[in-house]
Protein backbone atom coordinates (compact mmCIF):
# COMPACT_ATOMS: atom_id res chain seq x y z
CA MET A 1 0.00 0.00 0.01
CA VAL A 2 2.81 2.41 0.86
CA GLU A 3 4.47 1.69 -2.50
CA ILE A 4 1.26 2.57 -4.35
CA GLN A 5 1.01 5.85 -2.42
CA LYS A 6 4.62 6.66 -3.25
CA THR A 7 3.97 5.93 -6.90
CA TYR A 8 0.89 8.16 -7.01
CA PHE A 9 2.75 10.93 -5.21
CA LEU A 10 5.63 10.72 -7.69
CA LEU A 11 3.24 10.75 -10.66
CA PHE A 12 1.43 13.73 -9.20
CA CYS A 13 4.68 15.67 -8.80
CA LEU A 14 5.90 14.78 -12.29
CA PHE A 15 2.54 15.67 -13.82
CA GLY A 16 2.71 19.12 -12.26
CA LEU A 17 6.07 19.81 -13.87
CA GLY A 18 4.52 19.86 -17.32
CA PHE A 19 2.02 22.59 -16.45
CA GLY A 20 4.10 25.21 -14.73
CA GLN A 21 3.35 28.89 -14.78
CA VAL A 22 4.69 31.09 -17.55
CA ASP A 23 7.73 33.13 -16.53
CA TYR A 24 7.05 36.57 -17.94
CA ASN A 25 10.64 37.81 -18.03
CA LEU A 26 12.09 34.59 -19.35
CA GLU A 27 9.40 33.69 -21.91
CA ILE A 28 7.10 36.61 -22.79
CA GLN A 29 9.58 39.47 -22.52
CA THR A 30 12.01 37.48 -24.69
CA ILE A 31 9.33 37.27 -27.43
CA PHE A 32 8.78 41.02 -27.28
CA ASN A 33 12.54 41.68 -27.27
CA ASP A 34 13.12 39.43 -30.29
CA ASN A 35 10.10 40.51 -32.37
CA CYS A 36 8.86 43.89 -31.26
CA SER A 37 11.69 45.93 -29.78
CA SER A 38 12.71 47.66 -33.01
CA CYS A 39 9.46 49.61 -32.89
CA HIS A 40 8.02 49.29 -29.39
CA ILE A 41 10.69 50.43 -26.94
CA SER A 42 10.77 53.85 -25.20
CA ASN A 43 9.23 56.54 -27.47
CA SER A 44 7.72 53.94 -29.68
CA SER A 45 5.20 53.36 -32.46
CA GLY A 46 1.63 53.95 -31.36
CA GLY A 47 2.85 54.90 -27.91
CA LEU A 48 3.16 51.24 -26.96
CA ASN A 49 6.26 50.38 -24.99
CA LEU A 50 6.84 46.66 -24.63
CA SER A 51 10.12 46.88 -22.68
CA SER A 52 8.65 45.62 -19.39
CA TYR A 53 5.58 44.05 -17.84
CA THR A 54 4.58 47.36 -16.25
CA ASN A 55 4.74 49.15 -19.62
CA VAL A 56 2.73 46.46 -21.34
CA MET A 57 0.04 46.62 -18.69
CA ASN A 58 -0.01 50.43 -18.90
CA GLY A 59 -1.05 50.05 -22.57
CA SER A 60 -0.62 52.58 -25.32
CA GLY A 61 -1.75 56.10 -26.09
CA ASN A 62 -4.97 54.44 -27.33
CA GLY A 63 -5.67 52.60 -24.10
CA ALA A 64 -5.18 49.09 -22.70
CA VAL A 65 -3.68 46.38 -24.88
CA ILE A 66 -4.23 43.55 -22.38
CA THR A 67 -7.69 42.55 -21.11
CA PRO A 68 -7.17 40.54 -17.92
CA TYR A 69 -8.80 37.13 -17.82
CA ASP A 70 -9.87 37.20 -21.48
CA HIS A 71 -6.95 37.23 -23.87
CA THR A 72 -9.21 36.80 -26.94
CA ILE A 73 -10.43 40.41 -26.69
CA SER A 74 -7.03 41.91 -25.75
CA GLU A 75 -5.81 44.30 -28.45
CA LEU A 76 -2.33 42.71 -28.30
CA TYR A 77 -3.75 39.21 -28.92
CA VAL A 78 -5.97 40.42 -31.71
CA ARG A 79 -3.00 42.10 -33.47
CA ILE A 80 -0.66 39.11 -33.21
CA THR A 81 -3.29 36.70 -34.49
CA LEU A 82 -4.38 38.71 -37.53
CA PRO A 83 -3.40 37.04 -40.83
CA SER A 84 -0.10 38.29 -42.24
CA SER A 85 -0.43 41.38 -44.46
CA SER A 86 -3.76 42.33 -42.81
CA ASP A 87 -4.07 45.94 -41.80
CA GLY A 88 -2.62 46.23 -38.28
CA ASP A 89 -1.08 42.75 -38.04
CA MET A 90 1.89 42.51 -35.67
CA PRO A 91 4.68 42.08 -35.96
CA PRO A 92 4.71 43.44 -39.53
CA SER A 93 7.98 41.67 -40.29
CA GLY A 94 6.37 38.25 -39.92
CA SER A 95 4.05 36.23 -37.72
CA LEU A 96 4.87 34.82 -34.30
CA SER A 97 4.94 31.03 -34.04
CA GLN A 98 1.86 29.32 -32.64
CA ASP A 99 3.86 28.29 -29.56
CA GLU A 100 4.78 31.93 -28.94
CA ILE A 101 1.16 32.99 -29.34
CA ASN A 102 -0.03 30.23 -26.97
CA LEU A 103 2.14 31.58 -24.15
């Protein structure tokens, strides 16, 4: 019985490793730095500064770009999921990968 409990505990721990939280600085900020920084740092295009979490959450001169708890209506999500060459698609130099979008 103890061996079965140990096995279930180990499986529970290992299962949890696959569903960790996203590390903003390591994962999300890296995507912004690699794909958006040429236009969206400091005094940037559209007034949107993607150089930090705080700046992203502050939004742009046009308002919020992140809608908490519903990414599908967030302006940022809408822009990065527009088909390439659509008006307003981001980044204009090419689409993000589906894995990057899923983060």
